[in-house]
């Protein structure tokens, strides 16, 4: 025979509305504060929050906001890049030699660039002097063209040019290894943003979307919402990595669309709304903002107060 349970001992059935309120309050308050605000036992609040999974890293969200893995090329052939042809451009042999080195560097091929940098050491005239001679040549042959003269600045910065070219080529190769030939096609994450914000209007006198509408639309998809500050940093890093790969094909090639930028801004705003689970997580957010020089954003004060546990 089962023992009788008195009404006072019976487990309390928590209405769905109250469960949701507990989870929303927990994003801004401690467990004890949530218990006081909802008049629930502290143990009940802890259980509801733990079982919800809403305060653990959201694996479904991370799966969407992750770059596809790098696929190794099945091409076993070895391509040997050719050196660019030498050309007479200015008639000054030393200047033309440096301009040829520029063309080698622009190939992005590390082996060729290494040889070019060795060849540069054999040029006797200081590169700064050659830069001035080249600028004088441009001014003389293109009088009145200020932009042509400006293009000569950095003429002798071969090492910086080489480093930039090699990095650019590496990013292009990584982009193709991840996306194949469809580097600029919508990723699943981008398509999600486009579908979710399809008819959200722009703010008055602005090119940005209305933040309240954006928050409401993305909030209607809790399964793909960051649960933790670590989730937020994961997604923000995803956008940064995606656009960096695309920028390797041109300075404007990787610019995000309005809806994509709205999602990135939405995720950044969440840094002011999600409590840090531990001091290390708060430090990670602070370091992220400092490294990327985000301390002058409109949301910065609220984010810092949130990290300190003193949110308004």
Protein backbone atom coordinates (compact mmCIF):
# COMPACT_ATOMS: atom_id res chain seq x y z
CA UNK A 1 0.00 0.00 0.00
CA UNK A 2 1.41 3.41 -1.05
CA UNK A 3 2.03 5.92 1.75
CA UNK A 4 -0.35 8.89 1.82
CA UNK A 5 1.12 12.27 0.87
CA UNK A 6 -0.33 15.32 2.53
CA UNK A 7 -1.17 18.39 0.41
CA UNK A 8 1.67 20.27 2.08
CA UNK A 9 4.14 17.56 1.00
CA UNK A 10 2.82 17.13 -2.55
CA UNK A 11 5.15 18.42 -5.28
CA UNK A 12 4.05 21.77 -6.66
CA UNK A 13 3.05 21.80 -10.33
CA UNK A 14 4.61 24.87 -11.94
CA UNK A 15 2.49 26.57 -14.64
CA UNK A 16 4.18 27.04 -18.01
CA UNK A 17 3.92 30.84 -17.70
CA UNK A 18 5.74 30.78 -14.38
CA UNK A 19 8.46 28.51 -15.79
CA UNK A 20 9.08 31.01 -18.58
CA UNK A 21 9.16 33.87 -16.08
CA UNK A 22 11.74 32.03 -13.98
CA UNK A 23 13.99 31.54 -17.01
CA UNK A 24 13.68 35.16 -18.12
CA UNK A 25 14.38 36.47 -14.61
CA UNK A 26 17.38 34.17 -14.30
CA UNK A 27 19.05 35.89 -17.23
CA UNK A 28 19.22 39.07 -15.16
CA UNK A 29 19.21 37.87 -11.51
CA UNK A 30 20.80 35.40 -9.17
CA UNK A 31 18.99 32.18 -8.29
CA UNK A 32 18.11 33.52 -4.85
CA UNK A 33 16.71 36.75 -6.32
CA UNK A 34 14.58 34.76 -8.78
CA UNK A 35 13.21 32.68 -5.90
CA UNK A 36 12.27 35.84 -4.02
CA UNK A 37 10.67 37.49 -7.06
CA UNK A 38 8.59 34.42 -7.93
CA UNK A 39 7.87 33.23 -4.39
CA UNK A 40 9.28 29.81 -5.26
CA UNK A 41 11.62 27.67 -3.17
CA UNK A 42 15.28 28.15 -4.11
CA UNK A 43 15.61 24.43 -4.85
CA UNK A 44 12.68 24.61 -7.29
CA UNK A 45 14.25 27.54 -9.12
CA UNK A 46 17.57 25.68 -9.37
CA UNK A 47 15.83 22.59 -10.74
CA UNK A 48 13.81 24.54 -13.31
CA UNK A 49 16.87 26.39 -14.57
CA UNK A 50 19.02 23.26 -14.68
CA UNK A 51 16.48 21.10 -16.50
CA UNK A 52 15.66 23.81 -19.05
CA UNK A 53 19.17 23.74 -20.51
CA UNK A 54 18.77 27.46 -21.15
CA UNK A 55 21.93 28.30 -19.24
CA UNK A 56 24.25 25.80 -20.86
CA UNK A 57 26.00 26.35 -24.17
CA UNK A 58 23.45 25.97 -26.96
CA UNK A 59 24.79 23.23 -29.23
CA UNK A 60 22.07 23.75 -31.85
CA UNK A 61 22.98 27.42 -32.07
CA UNK A 62 26.68 26.63 -32.34
CA UNK A 63 26.08 24.09 -35.10
CA UNK A 64 24.40 26.76 -37.23
CA UNK A 65 27.03 29.41 -36.56
CA UNK A 66 30.08 27.33 -37.41
CA UNK A 67 32.09 27.43 -40.63
CA UNK A 68 32.02 24.22 -42.69
CA UNK A 69 35.10 22.03 -42.15
CA UNK A 70 38.12 22.30 -44.41
CA UNK A 71 38.08 19.70 -47.14
CA UNK A 72 41.43 18.51 -48.42
CA UNK A 73 41.85 18.79 -52.16
CA UNK A 74 41.71 15.53 -54.10
CA UNK A 75 43.96 16.99 -56.78
CA UNK A 76 47.31 15.22 -56.51
CA UNK A 77 48.96 17.26 -59.26
CA UNK A 78 51.60 19.80 -58.28
CA UNK A 79 51.25 23.15 -60.03
CA UNK A 80 54.42 25.14 -60.44
CA UNK A 81 53.60 28.86 -60.63
CA UNK A 82 55.40 30.88 -63.28
CA UNK A 83 57.29 34.06 -62.59
CA UNK A 84 55.66 37.16 -64.04
CA UNK A 85 57.47 38.45 -67.14
CA UNK A 86 59.92 41.31 -66.75
CA UNK A 87 58.74 44.49 -68.45
CA UNK A 88 60.18 47.89 -69.26
CA UNK A 89 57.81 50.29 -67.52
CA UNK A 90 59.80 53.39 -66.64
CA UNK A 91 63.08 52.77 -68.46
CA UNK A 92 64.93 52.99 -65.14
CA UNK A 93 66.32 49.47 -64.65
CA UNK A 94 66.34 49.62 -60.84
CA UNK A 95 62.80 51.01 -60.58
CA UNK A 96 61.54 48.47 -63.11
CA UNK A 97 63.24 45.74 -61.08
CA UNK A 98 61.30 46.78 -57.98
CA UNK A 99 58.05 47.00 -59.97
CA UNK A 100 58.72 43.44 -61.14
CA UNK A 101 59.20 42.39 -57.52
CA UNK A 102 55.79 43.95 -56.81
CA UNK A 103 54.22 41.77 -59.51
CA UNK A 104 55.87 38.67 -58.02
CA UNK A 105 54.58 39.55 -54.56
CA UNK A 106 51.05 40.03 -55.90
CA UNK A 107 50.97 36.37 -56.94
CA UNK A 108 50.74 35.45 -53.26
CA UNK A 109 52.94 32.41 -53.93
CA UNK A 110 55.21 32.03 -50.92
CA UNK A 111 58.02 30.26 -52.83
CA UNK A 112 58.17 32.90 -55.56
CA UNK A 113 57.97 35.71 -53.03
CA UNK A 114 60.84 34.23 -51.03
CA UNK A 115 63.00 34.26 -54.16
CA UNK A 116 61.89 37.80 -54.95
CA UNK A 117 62.87 39.01 -51.49
CA UNK A 118 66.32 37.49 -51.96
CA UNK A 119 66.61 39.24 -55.32
CA UNK A 120 65.67 42.55 -53.66
CA UNK A 121 68.82 42.34 -51.54
CA UNK A 122 70.93 42.68 -54.70
CA UNK A 123 69.56 46.12 -55.51
CA UNK A 124 72.34 48.56 -54.54
CA UNK A 125 70.39 51.83 -54.39
CA UNK A 126 68.42 52.33 -51.15
CA UNK A 127 64.74 51.58 -51.74
CA UNK A 128 63.69 54.93 -50.25
CA UNK A 129 65.69 56.68 -52.94
CA UNK A 130 64.12 54.51 -55.62
CA UNK A 131 60.68 55.37 -54.27
CA UNK A 132 61.44 59.08 -54.68
CA UNK A 133 62.76 58.51 -58.20
CA UNK A 134 59.62 56.57 -59.07
CA UNK A 135 57.40 59.33 -57.67
CA UNK A 136 59.29 61.94 -59.67
CA UNK A 137 58.76 59.80 -62.78
CA UNK A 138 54.99 59.56 -62.14
CA UNK A 139 54.67 63.32 -61.49
CA UNK A 140 56.61 64.02 -64.66
CA UNK A 141 54.68 61.63 -66.91
CA UNK A 142 51.24 62.23 -65.36
CA UNK A 143 51.17 65.93 -64.45
CA UNK A 144 48.23 67.02 -62.33
CA UNK A 145 47.23 63.47 -61.42
CA UNK A 146 47.50 63.59 -57.63
CA UNK A 147 46.13 60.07 -57.17
CA UNK A 148 48.81 58.61 -59.42
CA UNK A 149 51.49 60.23 -57.25
CA UNK A 150 49.83 58.95 -54.06
CA UNK A 151 49.96 55.41 -55.43
CA UNK A 152 53.76 55.50 -55.17
CA UNK A 153 53.74 55.67 -51.38
CA UNK A 154 54.72 52.31 -49.90
CA UNK A 155 56.72 51.53 -53.05
CA UNK A 156 59.63 50.21 -50.99
CA UNK A 157 57.66 48.37 -48.26
CA UNK A 158 58.37 44.99 -49.81
CA UNK A 159 58.30 42.98 -46.59
CA UNK A 160 54.87 44.29 -45.57
CA UNK A 161 53.59 43.73 -49.09
CA UNK A 162 54.91 40.17 -49.07
CA UNK A 163 53.39 39.34 -45.69
CA UNK A 164 50.01 40.74 -46.73
CA UNK A 165 50.04 38.89 -50.06
CA UNK A 166 50.88 35.53 -48.48
CA UNK A 167 48.16 35.95 -45.84
CA UNK A 168 45.64 36.93 -48.50
CA UNK A 169 46.46 33.86 -50.58
CA UNK A 170 46.20 31.63 -47.50
CA UNK A 171 42.72 33.01 -46.73
CA UNK A 172 41.60 32.50 -50.31
CA UNK A 173 42.77 28.89 -50.21
CA UNK A 174 40.99 28.33 -46.89
CA UNK A 175 37.79 29.86 -48.27
CA UNK A 176 37.83 27.48 -51.24
CA UNK A 177 38.68 24.54 -48.96
CA UNK A 178 35.62 25.33 -46.84
CA UNK A 179 33.11 26.48 -49.46
CA UNK A 180 34.42 25.16 -52.76
CA UNK A 181 33.53 27.54 -55.58
CA UNK A 182 30.54 28.94 -53.67
CA UNK A 183 32.50 31.29 -51.42
CA UNK A 184 29.84 34.01 -51.59
CA UNK A 185 26.74 31.86 -51.47
CA UNK A 186 24.49 32.23 -48.43
CA UNK A 187 25.52 30.03 -45.53
CA UNK A 188 22.69 28.38 -43.52
CA UNK A 189 23.22 31.05 -40.85
CA UNK A 190 22.88 33.86 -43.38
CA UNK A 191 19.77 32.27 -44.88
CA UNK A 192 18.25 32.04 -41.40
CA UNK A 193 18.84 35.77 -40.90
CA UNK A 194 17.36 36.65 -44.29
CA UNK A 195 14.26 34.53 -43.70
CA UNK A 196 13.72 35.82 -40.16
CA UNK A 197 14.04 39.52 -41.03
CA UNK A 198 12.53 39.36 -44.52
CA UNK A 199 10.05 42.23 -43.99
CA UNK A 200 11.58 44.20 -41.10
CA UNK A 201 11.81 47.88 -42.00
CA UNK A 202 14.69 50.32 -41.67
CA UNK A 203 14.83 52.88 -38.90
CA UNK A 204 13.86 56.40 -39.93
CA UNK A 205 16.81 58.26 -41.47
CA UNK A 206 19.02 55.20 -41.08
CA UNK A 207 20.35 52.23 -43.03
CA UNK A 208 19.95 49.92 -40.03
CA UNK A 209 16.93 47.82 -39.09
CA UNK A 210 14.67 48.65 -36.16
CA UNK A 211 16.38 47.02 -33.17
CA UNK A 212 13.13 46.23 -31.32
CA UNK A 213 11.72 44.40 -34.32
CA UNK A 214 15.01 42.56 -34.83
CA UNK A 215 15.14 41.46 -31.18
CA UNK A 216 11.51 40.30 -31.36
CA UNK A 217 12.04 38.29 -34.54
CA UNK A 218 15.16 36.52 -33.34
CA UNK A 219 13.64 36.08 -29.90
CA UNK A 220 10.89 34.04 -31.55
CA UNK A 221 13.51 31.41 -32.40
CA UNK A 222 14.80 30.43 -28.92
CA UNK A 223 16.39 27.24 -30.23
CA UNK A 224 18.88 29.36 -32.18
CA UNK A 225 19.45 31.99 -29.53
CA UNK A 226 22.76 32.17 -27.63
CA UNK A 227 22.25 30.80 -24.13
CA UNK A 228 25.56 31.95 -22.69
CA UNK A 229 28.13 34.68 -23.16
CA UNK A 230 30.38 32.00 -24.60
CA UNK A 231 27.69 31.30 -27.22
CA UNK A 232 27.65 35.01 -28.09
CA UNK A 233 31.42 35.09 -28.56
CA UNK A 234 31.23 31.92 -30.65
CA UNK A 235 28.71 33.50 -33.02
CA UNK A 236 30.52 36.85 -33.23
CA UNK A 237 33.72 34.98 -34.09
CA UNK A 238 31.83 33.07 -36.78
CA UNK A 239 30.80 36.29 -38.52
CA UNK A 240 34.31 37.73 -38.21
CA UNK A 241 35.93 34.61 -39.67
CA UNK A 242 33.38 34.37 -42.50
CA UNK A 243 33.85 37.96 -43.65
CA UNK A 244 37.63 37.81 -43.25
CA UNK A 245 37.74 34.89 -45.67
CA UNK A 246 35.59 36.77 -48.16
CA UNK A 247 37.54 40.01 -47.84
CA UNK A 248 40.55 38.13 -49.21
CA UNK A 249 38.88 38.37 -52.63
CA UNK A 250 38.43 42.15 -52.49
CA UNK A 251 37.94 44.95 -49.98
CA UNK A 252 34.15 45.06 -50.52
CA UNK A 253 33.62 41.43 -51.48
CA UNK A 254 32.75 40.31 -47.96
CA UNK A 255 30.56 43.17 -46.76
CA UNK A 256 27.59 41.77 -44.80
CA UNK A 257 24.06 42.62 -45.92
CA UNK A 258 21.67 44.62 -43.75
CA UNK A 259 19.96 41.57 -42.27
CA UNK A 260 23.27 39.90 -41.49
CA UNK A 261 24.59 43.03 -39.78
CA UNK A 262 21.35 43.20 -37.78
CA UNK A 263 21.95 39.68 -36.45
CA UNK A 264 25.52 40.51 -35.50
CA UNK A 265 24.31 43.63 -33.67
CA UNK A 266 21.57 41.59 -31.95
CA UNK A 267 24.13 39.10 -30.66
CA UNK A 268 26.38 41.92 -29.48
CA UNK A 269 23.47 43.43 -27.53
CA UNK A 270 22.98 40.10 -25.76
CA UNK A 271 26.37 40.62 -24.09
CA UNK A 272 24.56 43.14 -21.89
CA UNK A 273 21.67 40.78 -21.10
CA UNK A 274 23.15 37.35 -20.37
CA UNK A 275 24.80 36.83 -17.00
CA UNK A 276 28.33 35.50 -16.84
CA UNK A 277 28.42 31.97 -15.43
CA UNK A 278 31.88 32.47 -13.99
CA UNK A 279 34.49 35.26 -13.75
CA UNK A 280 36.48 33.66 -16.59
CA UNK A 281 33.53 34.07 -18.97
CA UNK A 282 33.22 37.76 -18.05
CA UNK A 283 36.94 38.24 -18.61
CA UNK A 284 36.69 36.58 -22.03
CA UNK A 285 34.02 39.09 -23.10
CA UNK A 286 36.08 42.02 -21.82
CA UNK A 287 39.16 40.77 -23.67
CA UNK A 288 37.13 40.29 -26.85
CA UNK A 289 35.87 43.88 -26.71
CA UNK A 290 39.28 45.33 -25.90
CA UNK A 291 41.06 43.39 -28.66
CA UNK A 292 38.55 44.48 -31.29
CA UNK A 293 38.38 48.08 -30.00
CA UNK A 294 34.66 47.93 -29.21
CA UNK A 295 34.79 50.06 -26.07
CA UNK A 296 33.10 53.02 -27.76
CA UNK A 297 29.94 51.17 -28.84
CA UNK A 298 26.60 52.44 -27.53
CA UNK A 299 26.05 49.17 -25.63
CA UNK A 300 29.48 49.14 -23.96
CA UNK A 301 28.49 50.65 -20.60
CA UNK A 302 25.61 48.20 -20.18
CA UNK A 303 27.85 45.28 -21.15
CA UNK A 304 30.53 46.24 -18.64
CA UNK A 305 27.96 46.67 -15.87
CA UNK A 306 26.54 43.27 -16.76
CA UNK A 307 30.00 41.69 -16.55
CA UNK A 308 30.43 43.20 -13.10
CA UNK A 309 27.03 41.87 -12.01
CA UNK A 310 25.66 45.40 -11.65
CA UNK A 311 23.31 45.58 -14.56
CA UNK A 312 20.76 48.40 -14.61
